[in-house]
Amino acid sequence: MSIPRFKLVTSNDIDRFEERLNAYLEQLDRDEMVVDVKFATAPGALGVEFSALVQTQKTESWS
């Protein structure tokens, strides 16, 4: 069984946040699947902080 991996993606600019999240998802291996995504916003000194915690896990290879 593989160990779950977590990635925290954040930004205070919504466009930059989406770019970072998409870039992370695009670089995942073919046999790695997204298990869960937690999304949150919070007020910050520079405006709204957007955050996503992405959980992934490798699956068995599709030979």
N, C-alpha and C. Protein backbone atom coordinates (compact mmCIF):
# COMPACT_ATOMS: atom_id res chain seq x y z
N MET A 1 0.85 -1.18 0.00
CA MET A 1 0.00 0.00 0.00
C MET A 1 0.89 1.23 0.00
N SER A 2 0.54 2.23 -0.82
CA SER A 2 1.35 3.43 -0.90
C SER A 2 0.94 4.44 0.19
N ILE A 3 1.87 5.29 0.49
CA ILE A 3 1.67 6.32 1.51
C ILE A 3 1.02 7.53 0.86
N PRO A 4 -0.01 8.11 1.50
CA PRO A 4 -0.64 9.31 0.94
C PRO A 4 0.35 10.47 0.93
N ARG A 5 0.22 11.34 -0.08
CA ARG A 5 1.04 12.54 -0.16
C ARG A 5 0.12 13.75 -0.07
N PHE A 6 0.65 14.83 0.50
CA PHE A 6 -0.12 16.06 0.65
C PHE A 6 0.65 17.22 0.05
N LYS A 7 -0.09 18.15 -0.56
CA LYS A 7 0.50 19.36 -1.13
C LYS A 7 -0.39 20.53 -0.76
N LEU A 8 0.22 21.56 -0.16
CA LEU A 8 -0.50 22.78 0.18
C LEU A 8 -0.20 23.83 -0.88
N VAL A 9 -1.25 24.33 -1.51
CA VAL A 9 -1.13 25.36 -2.53
C VAL A 9 -1.81 26.61 -1.99
N THR A 10 -1.09 27.76 -2.02
CA THR A 10 -1.66 29.00 -1.50
C THR A 10 -1.30 30.18 -2.39
N SER A 11 -2.11 31.21 -2.29
CA SER A 11 -1.82 32.49 -2.94
C SER A 11 -2.86 33.50 -2.48
N ASN A 12 -2.50 34.77 -2.55
CA ASN A 12 -3.48 35.81 -2.25
C ASN A 12 -4.04 36.43 -3.53
N ASP A 13 -3.71 35.84 -4.67
CA ASP A 13 -4.25 36.24 -5.96
C ASP A 13 -4.94 35.02 -6.58
N ILE A 14 -6.22 35.14 -6.89
CA ILE A 14 -7.00 33.99 -7.34
C ILE A 14 -6.45 33.39 -8.64
N ASP A 15 -6.01 34.24 -9.55
CA ASP A 15 -5.46 33.71 -10.81
C ASP A 15 -4.17 32.95 -10.56
N ARG A 16 -3.31 33.49 -9.72
CA ARG A 16 -2.04 32.80 -9.39
C ARG A 16 -2.32 31.50 -8.65
N PHE A 17 -3.32 31.52 -7.76
CA PHE A 17 -3.71 30.31 -7.03
C PHE A 17 -4.14 29.21 -8.00
N GLU A 18 -4.98 29.57 -8.97
CA GLU A 18 -5.43 28.59 -9.95
C GLU A 18 -4.27 28.07 -10.79
N GLU A 19 -3.35 28.95 -11.18
CA GLU A 19 -2.18 28.52 -11.93
C GLU A 19 -1.35 27.51 -11.14
N ARG A 20 -1.11 27.81 -9.87
CA ARG A 20 -0.31 26.90 -9.03
C ARG A 20 -1.00 25.57 -8.83
N LEU A 21 -2.30 25.60 -8.60
CA LEU A 21 -3.06 24.36 -8.39
C LEU A 21 -3.06 23.52 -9.67
N ASN A 22 -3.32 24.15 -10.80
CA ASN A 22 -3.31 23.43 -12.08
C ASN A 22 -1.93 22.87 -12.40
N ALA A 23 -0.89 23.64 -12.14
CA ALA A 23 0.47 23.17 -12.40
C ALA A 23 0.78 21.93 -11.57
N TYR A 24 0.37 21.94 -10.32
CA TYR A 24 0.60 20.77 -9.47
C TYR A 24 -0.15 19.55 -9.99
N LEU A 25 -1.41 19.73 -10.33
CA LEU A 25 -2.22 18.60 -10.80
C LEU A 25 -1.70 18.06 -12.12
N GLU A 26 -1.23 18.93 -13.00
CA GLU A 26 -0.71 18.48 -14.29
C GLU A 26 0.58 17.68 -14.17
N GLN A 27 1.36 17.91 -13.14
CA GLN A 27 2.63 17.20 -13.00
C GLN A 27 2.50 15.85 -12.30
N LEU A 28 1.31 15.51 -11.84
CA LEU A 28 1.12 14.21 -11.18
C LEU A 28 1.37 13.08 -12.17
N ASP A 29 1.93 11.99 -11.65
CA ASP A 29 2.12 10.80 -12.46
C ASP A 29 0.78 10.23 -12.88
N ARG A 30 0.79 9.48 -13.97
CA ARG A 30 -0.44 8.88 -14.49
C ARG A 30 -1.09 7.93 -13.49
N ASP A 31 -0.29 7.29 -12.66
CA ASP A 31 -0.85 6.35 -11.69
C ASP A 31 -1.05 6.97 -10.30
N GLU A 32 -1.06 8.29 -10.23
CA GLU A 32 -1.32 8.98 -8.97
C GLU A 32 -2.68 9.65 -9.07
N MET A 33 -3.54 9.40 -8.09
CA MET A 33 -4.88 9.96 -8.14
C MET A 33 -5.13 10.91 -6.98
N VAL A 34 -5.99 11.87 -7.22
CA VAL A 34 -6.39 12.82 -6.17
C VAL A 34 -7.43 12.12 -5.31
N VAL A 35 -7.16 12.07 -4.01
CA VAL A 35 -8.07 11.43 -3.06
C VAL A 35 -9.02 12.46 -2.47
N ASP A 36 -8.49 13.65 -2.15
CA ASP A 36 -9.30 14.67 -1.49
C ASP A 36 -8.68 16.04 -1.70
N VAL A 37 -9.52 17.06 -1.71
CA VAL A 37 -9.07 18.45 -1.76
C VAL A 37 -9.85 19.23 -0.71
N LYS A 38 -9.13 19.94 0.14
CA LYS A 38 -9.76 20.82 1.12
C LYS A 38 -9.43 22.24 0.69
N PHE A 39 -10.44 23.09 0.60
CA PHE A 39 -10.27 24.46 0.15
C PHE A 39 -10.69 25.41 1.26
N ALA A 40 -9.93 26.51 1.41
CA ALA A 40 -10.27 27.51 2.42
C ALA A 40 -9.83 28.88 1.97
N THR A 41 -10.50 29.88 2.51
CA THR A 41 -10.08 31.27 2.32
C THR A 41 -9.93 31.89 3.70
N ALA A 42 -9.05 32.89 3.79
CA ALA A 42 -8.85 33.58 5.05
C ALA A 42 -8.43 35.02 4.76
N PRO A 43 -8.88 35.96 5.58
CA PRO A 43 -8.44 37.34 5.37
C PRO A 43 -6.96 37.47 5.75
N GLY A 44 -6.24 38.28 4.99
CA GLY A 44 -4.83 38.50 5.27
C GLY A 44 -4.47 39.96 5.04
N ALA A 45 -3.23 40.29 5.30
CA ALA A 45 -2.77 41.67 5.15
C ALA A 45 -2.84 42.14 3.70
N LEU A 46 -2.69 41.22 2.76
CA LEU A 46 -2.70 41.57 1.33
C LEU A 46 -4.02 41.23 0.66
N GLY A 47 -5.06 40.96 1.42
CA GLY A 47 -6.36 40.58 0.87
C GLY A 47 -6.71 39.17 1.29
N VAL A 48 -7.47 38.49 0.46
CA VAL A 48 -7.92 37.13 0.77
C VAL A 48 -6.81 36.14 0.42
N GLU A 49 -6.54 35.21 1.33
CA GLU A 49 -5.58 34.12 1.09
C GLU A 49 -6.37 32.89 0.70
N PHE A 50 -6.08 32.35 -0.49
CA PHE A 50 -6.73 31.14 -0.97
C PHE A 50 -5.80 29.96 -0.71
N SER A 51 -6.35 28.86 -0.18
CA SER A 51 -5.53 27.69 0.14
C SER A 51 -6.26 26.42 -0.25
N ALA A 52 -5.48 25.46 -0.73
CA ALA A 52 -6.02 24.13 -1.03
C ALA A 52 -5.01 23.10 -0.53
N LEU A 53 -5.49 22.13 0.20
CA LEU A 53 -4.68 21.00 0.63
C LEU A 53 -5.12 19.81 -0.22
N VAL A 54 -4.20 19.33 -1.05
CA VAL A 54 -4.50 18.25 -1.99
C VAL A 54 -3.86 16.97 -1.49
N GLN A 55 -4.66 15.92 -1.36
CA GLN A 55 -4.16 14.60 -0.96
C GLN A 55 -4.17 13.70 -2.17
N THR A 56 -3.02 13.09 -2.45
CA THR A 56 -2.91 12.15 -3.56
C THR A 56 -2.36 10.82 -3.07
N GLN A 57 -2.55 9.80 -3.88
CA GLN A 57 -2.02 8.48 -3.55
C GLN A 57 -1.77 7.72 -4.84
N LYS A 58 -0.65 7.01 -4.88
CA LYS A 58 -0.33 6.19 -6.06
C LYS A 58 -1.22 4.96 -6.08
N THR A 59 -1.61 4.59 -7.28
CA THR A 59 -2.41 3.38 -7.47
C THR A 59 -1.52 2.31 -8.11
N GLU A 60 -2.05 1.15 -8.25
CA GLU A 60 -1.32 0.09 -8.93
C GLU A 60 -1.15 0.49 -10.39
N SER A 61 -0.04 0.14 -10.97
CA SER A 61 0.24 0.47 -12.35
C SER A 61 -0.76 -0.18 -13.29
N TRP A 62 -1.11 0.51 -14.37
CA TRP A 62 -2.08 0.02 -15.35
C TRP A 62 -1.38 -0.72 -16.46
N SER A 63 -0.57 -1.61 -16.24
CA SER A 63 0.23 -2.33 -17.25
C SER A 63 -0.45 -2.53 -18.56
